PDB file of all heavy atoms in Angstrom:
ATOM      1  N   ILE A   1     111.918  24.720  -3.928  1.00  0.00           N
ATOM      2  CA  ILE A   1     111.759  24.906  -2.490  1.00  0.00           C
ATOM      3  C   ILE A   1     113.060  25.294  -1.832  1.00  0.00           C
ATOM      4  O   ILE A   1     113.139  26.223  -1.028  1.00  0.00           O
ATOM      5  CB  ILE A   1     111.179  23.615  -1.860  1.00  0.00           C
ATOM      6  CG1 ILE A   1     109.786  23.302  -2.395  1.00  0.00           C
ATOM      7  CG2 ILE A   1     111.153  23.726  -0.324  1.00  0.00           C
ATOM      8  CD1 ILE A   1     109.240  21.927  -2.004  1.00  0.00           C
ATOM      9  N   PHE A   2     114.136  24.544  -2.165  1.00  0.00           N
ATOM     10  CA  PHE A   2     115.429  24.759  -1.525  1.00  0.00           C
ATOM     11  C   PHE A   2     115.920  26.192  -1.642  1.00  0.00           C
ATOM     12  O   PHE A   2     116.384  26.770  -0.674  1.00  0.00           O
ATOM     13  CB  PHE A   2     116.455  23.771  -2.086  1.00  0.00           C
ATOM     14  CG  PHE A   2     117.793  23.786  -1.402  1.00  0.00           C
ATOM     15  CD1 PHE A   2     118.070  22.886  -0.369  1.00  0.00           C
ATOM     16  CD2 PHE A   2     118.779  24.669  -1.728  1.00  0.00           C
ATOM     17  CE1 PHE A   2     119.278  22.871   0.300  1.00  0.00           C
ATOM     18  CE2 PHE A   2     119.981  24.702  -1.095  1.00  0.00           C
ATOM     19  CZ  PHE A   2     120.254  23.802  -0.053  1.00  0.00           C
ATOM     20  N   LYS A   3     115.779  26.758  -2.870  1.00  0.00           N
ATOM     21  CA  LYS A   3     116.372  28.051  -3.092  1.00  0.00           C
ATOM     22  C   LYS A   3     115.575  29.199  -2.396  1.00  0.00           C
ATOM     23  O   LYS A   3     116.017  30.359  -2.408  1.00  0.00           O
ATOM     24  CB  LYS A   3     116.488  28.333  -4.577  1.00  0.00           C
ATOM     25  CG  LYS A   3     115.188  28.469  -5.378  1.00  0.00           C
ATOM     26  CD  LYS A   3     115.491  28.556  -6.845  1.00  0.00           C
ATOM     27  CE  LYS A   3     114.289  28.791  -7.679  1.00  0.00           C
ATOM     28  NZ  LYS A   3     114.552  28.802  -9.165  1.00  0.00           N
ATOM     29  N   ARG A   4     114.421  28.806  -1.781  1.00  0.00           N
ATOM     30  CA  ARG A   4     113.664  29.785  -1.017  1.00  0.00           C
ATOM     31  C   ARG A   4     113.820  29.573   0.508  1.00  0.00           C
ATOM     32  O   ARG A   4     113.004  30.052   1.311  1.00  0.00           O
ATOM     33  CB  ARG A   4     112.210  29.741  -1.442  1.00  0.00           C
ATOM     34  CG  ARG A   4     112.022  30.252  -2.894  1.00  0.00           C
ATOM     35  CD  ARG A   4     110.594  30.130  -3.371  1.00  0.00           C
ATOM     36  NE  ARG A   4     110.424  30.811  -4.683  1.00  0.00           N
ATOM     37  CZ  ARG A   4     110.631  30.257  -5.855  1.00  0.00           C
ATOM     38  NH1 ARG A   4     111.007  28.975  -5.902  1.00  0.00           N
ATOM     39  NH2 ARG A   4     110.454  30.934  -6.960  1.00  0.00           N
ATOM     40  N   ASN A   5     114.863  28.794   0.891  1.00  0.00           N
ATOM     41  CA  ASN A   5     115.325  28.686   2.239  1.00  0.00           C
ATOM     42  C   ASN A   5     114.245  28.179   3.245  1.00  0.00           C
ATOM     43  O   ASN A   5     113.925  28.870   4.225  1.00  0.00           O
ATOM     44  CB  ASN A   5     115.830  30.058   2.706  1.00  0.00           C
ATOM     45  CG  ASN A   5     116.748  29.944   3.931  1.00  0.00           C
ATOM     46  OD1 ASN A   5     117.441  28.942   4.105  1.00  0.00           O
ATOM     47  ND2 ASN A   5     116.738  30.954   4.775  1.00  0.00           N
ATOM     48  N   PRO A   6     113.751  26.956   3.044  1.00  0.00           N
ATOM     49  CA  PRO A   6     112.709  26.428   3.944  1.00  0.00           C
ATOM     50  C   PRO A   6     113.274  26.108   5.348  1.00  0.00           C
ATOM     51  O   PRO A   6     114.481  25.904   5.486  1.00  0.00           O
ATOM     52  CB  PRO A   6     112.269  25.160   3.261  1.00  0.00           C
ATOM     53  CG  PRO A   6     113.497  24.719   2.480  1.00  0.00           C
ATOM     54  CD  PRO A   6     114.100  26.018   2.004  1.00  0.00           C
ATOM     55  N   LYS A   7     112.395  26.074   6.336  1.00  0.00           N
ATOM     56  CA  LYS A   7     112.829  25.680   7.680  1.00  0.00           C
ATOM     57  C   LYS A   7     113.202  24.225   7.723  1.00  0.00           C
ATOM     58  O   LYS A   7     114.085  23.802   8.499  1.00  0.00           O
ATOM     59  CB  LYS A   7     111.666  25.931   8.671  1.00  0.00           C
ATOM     60  CG  LYS A   7     111.391  27.403   8.909  1.00  0.00           C
ATOM     61  CD  LYS A   7     110.171  27.571   9.822  1.00  0.00           C
ATOM     62  CE  LYS A   7     110.364  27.012  11.234  1.00  0.00           C
ATOM     63  NZ  LYS A   7     109.215  27.253  12.066  1.00  0.00           N
ATOM     64  N   LYS A   8     112.571  23.397   6.886  1.00  0.00           N
ATOM     65  CA  LYS A   8     112.789  21.961   6.880  1.00  0.00           C
ATOM     66  C   LYS A   8     112.455  21.423   5.485  1.00  0.00           C
ATOM     67  O   LYS A   8     111.416  21.753   4.950  1.00  0.00           O
ATOM     68  CB  LYS A   8     111.950  21.297   7.962  1.00  0.00           C
ATOM     69  CG  LYS A   8     112.060  19.786   8.083  1.00  0.00           C
ATOM     70  CD  LYS A   8     111.149  19.339   9.218  1.00  0.00           C
ATOM     71  CE  LYS A   8     111.121  17.857   9.447  1.00  0.00           C
ATOM     72  NZ  LYS A   8     110.220  17.485  10.555  1.00  0.00           N
ATOM     73  N   LEU A   9     113.329  20.600   4.951  1.00  0.00           N
ATOM     74  CA  LEU A   9     113.102  20.005   3.621  1.00  0.00           C
ATOM     75  C   LEU A   9     113.631  18.579   3.652  1.00  0.00           C
ATOM     76  O   LEU A   9     114.833  18.344   3.658  1.00  0.00           O
ATOM     77  CB  LEU A   9     113.771  20.825   2.535  1.00  0.00           C
ATOM     78  CG  LEU A   9     113.663  20.284   1.105  1.00  0.00           C
ATOM     79  CD1 LEU A   9     112.222  20.060   0.691  1.00  0.00           C
ATOM     80  CD2 LEU A   9     114.382  21.228   0.123  1.00  0.00           C
ATOM     81  N   HIS A  10     112.709  17.625   3.679  1.00  0.00           N
ATOM     82  CA  HIS A  10     113.075  16.200   3.655  1.00  0.00           C
ATOM     83  C   HIS A  10     112.625  15.613   2.348  1.00  0.00           C
ATOM     84  O   HIS A  10     111.521  15.837   1.875  1.00  0.00           O
ATOM     85  CB  HIS A  10     112.393  15.427   4.828  1.00  0.00           C
ATOM     86  CG  HIS A  10     112.978  15.741   6.149  1.00  0.00           C
ATOM     87  ND1 HIS A  10     112.525  15.144   7.343  1.00  0.00           N
ATOM     88  CD2 HIS A  10     114.036  16.525   6.504  1.00  0.00           C
ATOM     89  CE1 HIS A  10     113.263  15.593   8.349  1.00  0.00           C
ATOM     90  NE2 HIS A  10     114.155  16.414   7.861  1.00  0.00           N
ATOM     91  N   ILE A  11     113.518  14.841   1.727  1.00  0.00           N
ATOM     92  CA  ILE A  11     113.254  14.272   0.407  1.00  0.00           C
ATOM     93  C   ILE A  11     113.287  12.744   0.531  1.00  0.00           C
ATOM     94  O   ILE A  11     114.234  12.186   1.064  1.00  0.00           O
ATOM     95  CB  ILE A  11     114.348  14.683  -0.603  1.00  0.00           C
ATOM     96  CG1 ILE A  11     114.622  16.199  -0.553  1.00  0.00           C
ATOM     97  CG2 ILE A  11     113.956  14.231  -1.985  1.00  0.00           C
ATOM     98  CD1 ILE A  11     113.414  17.057  -0.853  1.00  0.00           C
ATOM     99  N   VAL A  12     112.264  12.106   0.052  1.00  0.00           N
ATOM    100  CA  VAL A  12     112.164  10.644   0.034  1.00  0.00           C
ATOM    101  C   VAL A  12     112.073  10.167  -1.424  1.00  0.00           C
ATOM    102  O   VAL A  12     111.287  10.716  -2.211  1.00  0.00           O
ATOM    103  CB  VAL A  12     110.931  10.128   0.791  1.00  0.00           C
ATOM    104  CG1 VAL A  12     110.762   8.639   0.659  1.00  0.00           C
ATOM    105  CG2 VAL A  12     111.062  10.472   2.284  1.00  0.00           C
ATOM    106  N   ASP A  13     112.888   9.162  -1.755  1.00  0.00           N
ATOM    107  CA  ASP A  13     112.802   8.593  -3.112  1.00  0.00           C
ATOM    108  C   ASP A  13     113.354   7.174  -3.033  1.00  0.00           C
ATOM    109  O   ASP A  13     114.223   6.865  -2.227  1.00  0.00           O
ATOM    110  CB  ASP A  13     113.619   9.422  -4.102  1.00  0.00           C
ATOM    111  CG  ASP A  13     113.230   9.082  -5.542  1.00  0.00           C
ATOM    112  OD1 ASP A  13     113.725   8.062  -6.074  1.00  0.00           O
ATOM    113  OD2 ASP A  13     112.425   9.856  -6.125  1.00  0.00           O
ATOM    114  N   ILE A  14     112.846   6.321  -3.908  1.00  0.00           N
ATOM    115  CA  ILE A  14     113.291   4.941  -3.928  1.00  0.00           C
ATOM    116  C   ILE A  14     114.682   4.770  -4.545  1.00  0.00           C
ATOM    117  O   ILE A  14     115.340   3.762  -4.324  1.00  0.00           O
ATOM    118  CB  ILE A  14     112.227   4.046  -4.651  1.00  0.00           C
ATOM    119  CG1 ILE A  14     112.440   2.581  -4.309  1.00  0.00           C
ATOM    120  CG2 ILE A  14     112.298   4.329  -6.160  1.00  0.00           C
ATOM    121  CD1 ILE A  14     111.322   1.714  -4.815  1.00  0.00           C
ATOM    122  N   SER A  15     115.111   5.771  -5.305  1.00  0.00           N
ATOM    123  CA  SER A  15     116.391   5.659  -6.033  1.00  0.00           C
ATOM    124  C   SER A  15     117.506   6.295  -5.219  1.00  0.00           C
ATOM    125  O   SER A  15     117.610   7.536  -5.093  1.00  0.00           O
ATOM    126  CB  SER A  15     116.311   6.358  -7.397  1.00  0.00           C
ATOM    127  OG  SER A  15     117.561   6.371  -7.996  1.00  0.00           O
ATOM    128  N   GLU A  16     118.376   5.471  -4.664  1.00  0.00           N
ATOM    129  CA  GLU A  16     119.548   5.952  -3.923  1.00  0.00           C
ATOM    130  C   GLU A  16     120.477   6.778  -4.808  1.00  0.00           C
ATOM    131  O   GLU A  16     120.986   7.838  -4.433  1.00  0.00           O
ATOM    132  CB  GLU A  16     120.279   4.760  -3.308  1.00  0.00           C
ATOM    133  CG  GLU A  16     121.482   5.126  -2.478  1.00  0.00           C
ATOM    134  CD  GLU A  16     122.228   3.902  -2.001  1.00  0.00           C
ATOM    135  OE1 GLU A  16     122.173   2.851  -2.675  1.00  0.00           O
ATOM    136  OE2 GLU A  16     122.904   4.004  -0.965  1.00  0.00           O
ATOM    137  N   ASN A  17     120.690   6.311  -6.039  1.00  0.00           N
ATOM    138  CA  ASN A  17     121.586   7.000  -6.965  1.00  0.00           C
ATOM    139  C   ASN A  17     121.070   8.370  -7.343  1.00  0.00           C
ATOM    140  O   ASN A  17     121.823   9.344  -7.401  1.00  0.00           O
ATOM    141  CB  ASN A  17     121.778   6.148  -8.249  1.00  0.00           C
ATOM    142  CG  ASN A  17     122.591   4.925  -7.988  1.00  0.00           C
ATOM    143  OD1 ASN A  17     123.327   4.827  -6.989  1.00  0.00           O
ATOM    144  ND2 ASN A  17     122.469   3.925  -8.863  1.00  0.00           N
ATOM    145  N   ASN A  18     119.758   8.481  -7.628  1.00  0.00           N
ATOM    146  CA  ASN A  18     119.210   9.775  -7.992  1.00  0.00           C
ATOM    147  C   ASN A  18     119.254  10.753  -6.849  1.00  0.00           C
ATOM    148  O   ASN A  18     119.460  11.948  -7.039  1.00  0.00           O
ATOM    149  CB  ASN A  18     117.756   9.613  -8.473  1.00  0.00           C
ATOM    150  CG  ASN A  18     117.678   9.035  -9.902  1.00  0.00           C
ATOM    151  OD1 ASN A  18     118.694   8.694 -10.497  1.00  0.00           O
ATOM    152  ND2 ASN A  18     116.464   8.944 -10.407  1.00  0.00           N
ATOM    153  N   LEU A  19     119.036  10.254  -5.608  1.00  0.00           N
ATOM    154  CA  LEU A  19     119.152  11.109  -4.458  1.00  0.00           C
ATOM    155  C   LEU A  19     120.561  11.660  -4.304  1.00  0.00           C
ATOM    156  O   LEU A  19     120.753  12.848  -3.984  1.00  0.00           O
ATOM    157  CB  LEU A  19     118.760  10.397  -3.188  1.00  0.00           C
ATOM    158  CG  LEU A  19     117.260  10.208  -2.934  1.00  0.00           C
ATOM    159  CD1 LEU A  19     117.031   9.283  -1.707  1.00  0.00           C
ATOM    160  CD2 LEU A  19     116.578  11.567  -2.659  1.00  0.00           C
ATOM    161  N   THR A  20     121.552  10.825  -4.522  1.00  0.00           N
ATOM    162  CA  THR A  20     122.926  11.229  -4.404  1.00  0.00           C
ATOM    163  C   THR A  20     123.228  12.364  -5.402  1.00  0.00           C
ATOM    164  O   THR A  20     123.838  13.381  -5.076  1.00  0.00           O
ATOM    165  CB  THR A  20     123.880  10.035  -4.677  1.00  0.00           C
ATOM    166  OG1 THR A  20     123.638   9.047  -3.713  1.00  0.00           O
ATOM    167  CG2 THR A  20     125.328  10.492  -4.573  1.00  0.00           C
ATOM    168  N   GLU A  21     122.794  12.178  -6.655  1.00  0.00           N
ATOM    169  CA  GLU A  21     123.007  13.196  -7.678  1.00  0.00           C
ATOM    170  C   GLU A  21     122.238  14.496  -7.368  1.00  0.00           C
ATOM    171  O   GLU A  21     122.721  15.589  -7.606  1.00  0.00           O
ATOM    172  CB  GLU A  21     122.631  12.668  -9.037  1.00  0.00           C
ATOM    173  CG  GLU A  21     122.733  13.671 -10.168  1.00  0.00           C
ATOM    174  CD  GLU A  21     124.086  14.293 -10.313  1.00  0.00           C
ATOM    175  OE1 GLU A  21     125.108  13.660  -9.942  1.00  0.00           O
ATOM    176  OE2 GLU A  21     124.132  15.505 -10.736  1.00  0.00           O
ATOM    177  N   LEU A  22     121.045  14.342  -6.794  1.00  0.00           N
ATOM    178  CA  LEU A  22     120.228  15.492  -6.431  1.00  0.00           C
ATOM    179  C   LEU A  22     121.001  16.366  -5.413  1.00  0.00           C
ATOM    180  O   LEU A  22     121.073  17.608  -5.560  1.00  0.00           O
ATOM    181  CB  LEU A  22     118.908  15.093  -5.824  1.00  0.00           C
ATOM    182  CG  LEU A  22     118.049  16.183  -5.183  1.00  0.00           C
ATOM    183  CD1 LEU A  22     117.673  17.238  -6.237  1.00  0.00           C
ATOM    184  CD2 LEU A  22     116.815  15.603  -4.528  1.00  0.00           C
ATOM    185  N   VAL A  23     121.555  15.750  -4.397  1.00  0.00           N
ATOM    186  CA  VAL A  23     122.304  16.493  -3.356  1.00  0.00           C
ATOM    187  C   VAL A  23     123.533  17.153  -3.990  1.00  0.00           C
ATOM    188  O   VAL A  23     123.844  18.321  -3.695  1.00  0.00           O
ATOM    189  CB  VAL A  23     122.720  15.571  -2.216  1.00  0.00           C
ATOM    190  CG1 VAL A  23     123.630  16.301  -1.229  1.00  0.00           C
ATOM    191  CG2 VAL A  23     121.490  15.039  -1.491  1.00  0.00           C
ATOM    192  N   ARG A  24     124.278  16.430  -4.833  1.00  0.00           N
ATOM    193  CA  ARG A  24     125.440  17.021  -5.492  1.00  0.00           C
ATOM    194  C   ARG A  24     125.018  18.246  -6.337  1.00  0.00           C
ATOM    195  O   ARG A  24     125.703  19.261  -6.367  1.00  0.00           O
ATOM    196  CB  ARG A  24     126.098  15.984  -6.385  1.00  0.00           C
ATOM    197  CG  ARG A  24     126.826  14.868  -5.663  1.00  0.00           C
ATOM    198  CD  ARG A  24     127.243  13.754  -6.607  1.00  0.00           C
ATOM    199  NE  ARG A  24     128.024  12.721  -5.966  1.00  0.00           N
ATOM    200  CZ  ARG A  24     128.144  11.499  -6.452  1.00  0.00           C
ATOM    201  NH1 ARG A  24     127.582  11.185  -7.611  1.00  0.00           N
ATOM    202  NH2 ARG A  24     128.855  10.569  -5.771  1.00  0.00           N
ATOM    203  N   ASP A  25     123.923  18.073  -7.043  1.00  0.00           N
ATOM    204  CA  ASP A  25     123.435  19.156  -7.915  1.00  0.00           C
ATOM    205  C   ASP A  25     123.057  20.402  -7.060  1.00  0.00           C
ATOM    206  O   ASP A  25     123.415  21.544  -7.380  1.00  0.00           O
ATOM    207  CB  ASP A  25     122.187  18.660  -8.651  1.00  0.00           C
ATOM    208  CG  ASP A  25     121.702  19.641  -9.724  1.00  0.00           C
ATOM    209  OD1 ASP A  25     122.384  20.645  -9.981  1.00  0.00           O
ATOM    210  OD2 ASP A  25     120.634  19.367 -10.326  1.00  0.00           O
ATOM    211  N   ILE A  26     122.325  20.171  -5.969  1.00  0.00           N
ATOM    212  CA  ILE A  26     121.887  21.265  -5.114  1.00  0.00           C
ATOM    213  C   ILE A  26     123.113  21.949  -4.467  1.00  0.00           C
ATOM    214  O   ILE A  26     123.179  23.205  -4.425  1.00  0.00           O
ATOM    215  CB  ILE A  26     120.901  20.762  -4.055  1.00  0.00           C
ATOM    216  CG1 ILE A  26     119.567  20.550  -4.690  1.00  0.00           C
ATOM    217  CG2 ILE A  26     120.787  21.765  -2.884  1.00  0.00           C
ATOM    218  CD1 ILE A  26     118.508  19.962  -3.756  1.00  0.00           C
ATOM    219  N   ARG A  27     124.009  21.196  -3.929  1.00  0.00           N
ATOM    220  CA  ARG A  27     125.202  21.776  -3.293  1.00  0.00           C
ATOM    221  C   ARG A  27     126.014  22.596  -4.327  1.00  0.00           C
ATOM    222  O   ARG A  27     126.563  23.659  -3.994  1.00  0.00           O
ATOM    223  CB  ARG A  27     126.085  20.674  -2.687  1.00  0.00           C
ATOM    224  CG  ARG A  27     125.476  19.888  -1.559  1.00  0.00           C
ATOM    225  CD  ARG A  27     125.058  20.764  -0.407  1.00  0.00           C
ATOM    226  NE  ARG A  27     124.597  19.988   0.750  1.00  0.00           N
ATOM    227  CZ  ARG A  27     123.679  20.413   1.612  1.00  0.00           C
ATOM    228  NH1 ARG A  27     123.087  21.602   1.437  1.00  0.00           N
ATOM    229  NH2 ARG A  27     123.336  19.661   2.637  1.00  0.00           N
ATOM    230  N   SER A  28     126.110  22.101  -5.553  1.00  0.00           N
ATOM    231  CA  SER A  28     126.897  22.761  -6.561  1.00  0.00           C
ATOM    232  C   SER A  28     126.207  24.041  -7.026  1.00  0.00           C
ATOM    233  O   SER A  28     126.900  25.016  -7.406  1.00  0.00           O
ATOM    234  CB  SER A  28     127.131  21.851  -7.748  1.00  0.00           C
ATOM    235  OG  SER A  28     127.848  20.699  -7.352  1.00  0.00           O
ATOM    236  N   SER A  29     124.888  24.079  -7.050  1.00  0.00           N
ATOM    237  CA  SER A  29     124.144  25.224  -7.594  1.00  0.00           C
ATOM    238  C   SER A  29     123.755  26.219  -6.498  1.00  0.00           C
ATOM    239  O   SER A  29     123.855  27.462  -6.733  1.00  0.00           O
ATOM    240  CB  SER A  29     122.886  24.764  -8.319  1.00  0.00           C
ATOM    241  OG  SER A  29     123.209  23.953  -9.429  1.00  0.00           O
ATOM    242  N   TYR A  30     123.298  25.706  -5.360  1.00  0.00           N
ATOM    243  CA  TYR A  30     122.711  26.614  -4.347  1.00  0.00           C
ATOM    244  C   TYR A  30     123.441  26.642  -2.996  1.00  0.00           C
ATOM    245  O   TYR A  30     123.196  27.530  -2.195  1.00  0.00           O
ATOM    246  CB  TYR A  30     121.259  26.215  -4.087  1.00  0.00           C
ATOM    247  CG  TYR A  30     120.443  26.162  -5.371  1.00  0.00           C
ATOM    248  CD1 TYR A  30     120.002  24.923  -5.848  1.00  0.00           C
ATOM    249  CD2 TYR A  30     120.078  27.327  -6.047  1.00  0.00           C
ATOM    250  CE1 TYR A  30     119.230  24.874  -7.020  1.00  0.00           C
ATOM    251  CE2 TYR A  30     119.326  27.250  -7.210  1.00  0.00           C
ATOM    252  CZ  TYR A  30     118.919  26.021  -7.698  1.00  0.00           C
ATOM    253  OH  TYR A  30     118.159  25.954  -8.824  1.00  0.00           O
ATOM    254  N   GLY A  31     124.305  25.674  -2.775  1.00  0.00           N
ATOM    255  CA  GLY A  31     125.046  25.633  -1.523  1.00  0.00           C
ATOM    256  C   GLY A  31     124.245  25.046  -0.387  1.00  0.00           C
ATOM    257  O   GLY A  31     123.853  23.881  -0.447  1.00  0.00           O
ATOM    258  N   TYR A  32     123.948  25.832   0.633  1.00  0.00           N
ATOM    259  CA  TYR A  32     123.418  25.316   1.886  1.00  0.00           C
ATOM    260  C   TYR A  32     122.274  26.233   2.364  1.00  0.00           C
ATOM    261  O   TYR A  32     122.163  27.364   1.988  1.00  0.00           O
ATOM    262  CB  TYR A  32     124.482  25.168   2.974  1.00  0.00           C
ATOM    263  CG  TYR A  32     125.601  24.263   2.533  1.00  0.00           C
ATOM    264  CD1 TYR A  32     126.666  24.758   1.785  1.00  0.00           C
ATOM    265  CD2 TYR A  32     125.625  22.922   2.932  1.00  0.00           C
ATOM    266  CE1 TYR A  32     127.686  23.924   1.367  1.00  0.00           C
ATOM    267  CE2 TYR A  32     126.666  22.100   2.531  1.00  0.00           C
ATOM    268  CZ  TYR A  32     127.686  22.604   1.755  1.00  0.00           C
ATOM    269  OH  TYR A  32     128.697  21.781   1.338  1.00  0.00           O
ATOM    270  N   ILE A  33     121.426  25.678   3.237  1.00  0.00           N
ATOM    271  CA  ILE A  33     120.402  26.457   3.912  1.00  0.00           C
ATOM    272  C   ILE A  33     120.528  26.285   5.432  1.00  0.00           C
ATOM    273  O   ILE A  33     121.167  25.328   5.880  1.00  0.00           O
ATOM    274  CB  ILE A  33     118.955  26.037   3.446  1.00  0.00           C
ATOM    275  CG1 ILE A  33     118.724  24.517   3.703  1.00  0.00           C
ATOM    276  CG2 ILE A  33     118.727  26.393   1.994  1.00  0.00           C
ATOM    277  CD1 ILE A  33     117.299  24.087   3.461  1.00  0.00           C
ATOM    278  N   LYS A  34     119.949  27.195   6.138  1.00  0.00           N
ATOM    279  CA  LYS A  34     119.966  27.063   7.606  1.00  0.00           C
ATOM    280  C   LYS A  34     119.024  25.988   8.125  1.00  0.00           C
ATOM    281  O   LYS A  34     119.251  25.439   9.175  1.00  0.00           O
ATOM    282  CB  LYS A  34     119.579  28.422   8.208  1.00  0.00           C
ATOM    283  CG  LYS A  34     120.607  29.528   7.973  1.00  0.00           C
ATOM    284  CD  LYS A  34     120.099  30.839   8.604  1.00  0.00           C
ATOM    285  CE  LYS A  34     121.093  31.979   8.319  1.00  0.00           C
ATOM    286  NZ  LYS A  34     120.610  33.251   8.898  1.00  0.00           N
ATOM    287  N   GLY A  35     118.003  25.681   7.343  1.00  0.00           N
ATOM    288  CA  GLY A  35     117.028  24.719   7.736  1.00  0.00           C
ATOM    289  C   GLY A  35     117.537  23.279   7.667  1.00  0.00           C
ATOM    290  O   GLY A  35     118.652  23.001   7.228  1.00  0.00           O
ATOM    291  N   ASP A  36     116.651  22.366   8.101  1.00  0.00           N
ATOM    292  CA  ASP A  36     116.953  20.938   8.170  1.00  0.00           C
ATOM    293  C   ASP A  36     116.740  20.314   6.788  1.00  0.00           C
ATOM    294  O   ASP A  36     115.606  20.186   6.332  1.00  0.00           O
ATOM    295  CB  ASP A  36     116.036  20.304   9.216  1.00  0.00           C
ATOM    296  CG  ASP A  36     116.197  18.801   9.299  1.00  0.00           C
ATOM    297  OD1 ASP A  36     117.233  18.267   8.827  1.00  0.00           O
ATOM    298  OD2 ASP A  36     115.269  18.124   9.827  1.00  0.00           O
ATOM    299  N   PHE A  37     117.828  19.912   6.116  1.00  0.00           N
ATOM    300  CA  PHE A  37     117.748  19.294   4.784  1.00  0.00           C
ATOM    301  C   PHE A  37     118.295  17.891   4.843  1.00  0.00           C
ATOM    302  O   PHE A  37     119.469  17.664   5.204  1.00  0.00           O
ATOM    303  CB  PHE A  37     118.558  20.142   3.766  1.00  0.00           C
ATOM    304  CG  PHE A  37     118.609  19.519   2.413  1.00  0.00           C
ATOM    305  CD1 PHE A  37     117.468  19.316   1.657  1.00  0.00           C
ATOM    306  CD2 PHE A  37     119.840  19.128   1.846  1.00  0.00           C
ATOM    307  CE1 PHE A  37     117.547  18.727   0.398  1.00  0.00           C
ATOM    308  CE2 PHE A  37     119.921  18.572   0.600  1.00  0.00           C
ATOM    309  CZ  PHE A  37     118.740  18.366  -0.162  1.00  0.00           C
ATOM    310  N   LYS A  38     117.438  16.926   4.576  1.00  0.00           N
ATOM    311  CA  LYS A  38     117.830  15.495   4.605  1.00  0.00           C
ATOM    312  C   LYS A  38     117.182  14.724   3.475  1.00  0.00           C
ATOM    313  O   LYS A  38     116.095  15.105   2.991  1.00  0.00           O
ATOM    314  CB  LYS A  38     117.400  14.813   5.941  1.00  0.00           C
ATOM    315  CG  LYS A  38     118.132  15.320   7.171  1.00  0.00           C
ATOM    316  CD  LYS A  38     117.702  14.415   8.365  1.00  0.00           C
ATOM    317  CE  LYS A  38     118.466  14.816   9.654  1.00  0.00           C
ATOM    318  NZ  LYS A  38     117.903  16.071  10.207  1.00  0.00           N
ATOM    319  N   THR A  39     117.845  13.655   3.034  1.00  0.00           N
ATOM    320  CA  THR A  39     117.282  12.756   2.036  1.00  0.00           C
ATOM    321  C   THR A  39     117.179  11.314   2.597  1.00  0.00           C
ATOM    322  O   THR A  39     118.009  10.948   3.429  1.00  0.00           O
ATOM    323  CB  THR A  39     118.128  12.728   0.756  1.00  0.00           C
ATOM    324  OG1 THR A  39     119.434  12.211   1.052  1.00  0.00           O
ATOM    325  CG2 THR A  39     118.269  14.110   0.178  1.00  0.00           C
ATOM    326  N   PHE A  40     116.205  10.578   2.133  1.00  0.00           N
ATOM    327  CA  PHE A  40     115.960   9.217   2.599  1.00  0.00           C
ATOM    328  C   PHE A  40     115.694   8.310   1.416  1.00  0.00           C
ATOM    329  O   PHE A  40     114.741   8.586   0.654  1.00  0.00           O
ATOM    330  CB  PHE A  40     114.765   9.196   3.597  1.00  0.00           C
ATOM    331  CG  PHE A  40     114.903  10.096   4.769  1.00  0.00           C
ATOM    332  CD1 PHE A  40     114.463  11.410   4.662  1.00  0.00           C
ATOM    333  CD2 PHE A  40     115.470   9.641   5.977  1.00  0.00           C
ATOM    334  CE1 PHE A  40     114.565  12.255   5.748  1.00  0.00           C
ATOM    335  CE2 PHE A  40     115.610  10.523   7.026  1.00  0.00           C
ATOM    336  CZ  PHE A  40     115.150  11.821   6.941  1.00  0.00           C
ATOM    337  N   ALA A  41     116.485   7.253   1.229  1.00  0.00           N
ATOM    338  CA  ALA A  41     116.294   6.312   0.143  1.00  0.00           C
ATOM    339  C   ALA A  41     115.320   5.242   0.572  1.00  0.00           C
ATOM    340  O   ALA A  41     115.711   4.134   1.031  1.00  0.00           O
ATOM    341  CB  ALA A  41     117.643   5.710  -0.288  1.00  0.00           C
ATOM    342  N   LEU A  42     114.015   5.539   0.416  1.00  0.00           N
ATOM    343  CA  LEU A  42     112.986   4.673   0.941  1.00  0.00           C
ATOM    344  C   LEU A  42     111.869   4.463  -0.083  1.00  0.00           C
ATOM    345  O   LEU A  42     111.569   5.379  -0.879  1.00  0.00           O
ATOM    346  CB  LEU A  42     112.362   5.241   2.204  1.00  0.00           C
ATOM    347  CG  LEU A  42     113.317   5.432   3.425  1.00  0.00           C
ATOM    348  CD1 LEU A  42     112.564   6.204   4.505  1.00  0.00           C
ATOM    349  CD2 LEU A  42     113.735   4.106   3.954  1.00  0.00           C
ATOM    350  N   ASP A  43     111.239   3.321  -0.031  1.00  0.00           N
ATOM    351  CA  ASP A  43     110.003   3.033  -0.776  1.00  0.00           C
ATOM    352  C   ASP A  43     108.832   3.504   0.112  1.00  0.00           C
ATOM    353  O   ASP A  43     108.735   3.000   1.250  1.00  0.00           O
ATOM    354  CB  ASP A  43     109.946   1.520  -1.039  1.00  0.00           C
ATOM    355  CG  ASP A  43     108.671   1.136  -1.801  1.00  0.00           C
ATOM    356  OD1 ASP A  43     107.730   1.948  -1.928  1.00  0.00           O
ATOM    357  OD2 ASP A  43     108.595  -0.045  -2.268  1.00  0.00           O
ATOM    358  N   ILE A  44     107.988   4.341  -0.386  1.00  0.00           N
ATOM    359  CA  ILE A  44     106.917   4.886   0.483  1.00  0.00           C
ATOM    360  C   ILE A  44     105.856   3.823   0.808  1.00  0.00           C
ATOM    361  O   ILE A  44     105.032   4.031   1.690  1.00  0.00           O
ATOM    362  CB  ILE A  44     106.244   6.132  -0.126  1.00  0.00           C
ATOM    363  CG1 ILE A  44     105.533   5.783  -1.424  1.00  0.00           C
ATOM    364  CG2 ILE A  44     107.246   7.233  -0.282  1.00  0.00           C
ATOM    365  CD1 ILE A  44     104.680   6.945  -1.941  1.00  0.00           C
ATOM    366  N   GLY A  45     105.933   2.672   0.154  1.00  0.00           N
ATOM    367  CA  GLY A  45     105.005   1.593   0.509  1.00  0.00           C
ATOM    368  C   GLY A  45     105.556   0.690   1.584  1.00  0.00           C
ATOM    369  O   GLY A  45     104.944  -0.284   1.980  1.00  0.00           O
ATOM    370  N   SER A  46     106.772   1.027   2.128  1.00  0.00           N
ATOM    371  CA  SER A  46     107.471   0.125   3.025  1.00  0.00           C
ATOM    372  C   SER A  46     107.249   0.493   4.491  1.00  0.00           C
ATOM    373  O   SER A  46     106.845   1.591   4.860  1.00  0.00           O
ATOM    374  CB  SER A  46     108.982   0.190   2.751  1.00  0.00           C
ATOM    375  OG  SER A  46     109.500   1.489   3.105  1.00  0.00           O
TER     376      SER A  46
END
């Protein structure tokens, strides 16, 4: 999704560590997008 430049991309996952690595990976491979990109370390049952 990210590499096709979405208007908004929000990521939710229970693992704070995996989210951190995901952002590092994306920044290192694809850089940035103009759209709203955010991550949230949350349990979807909460």
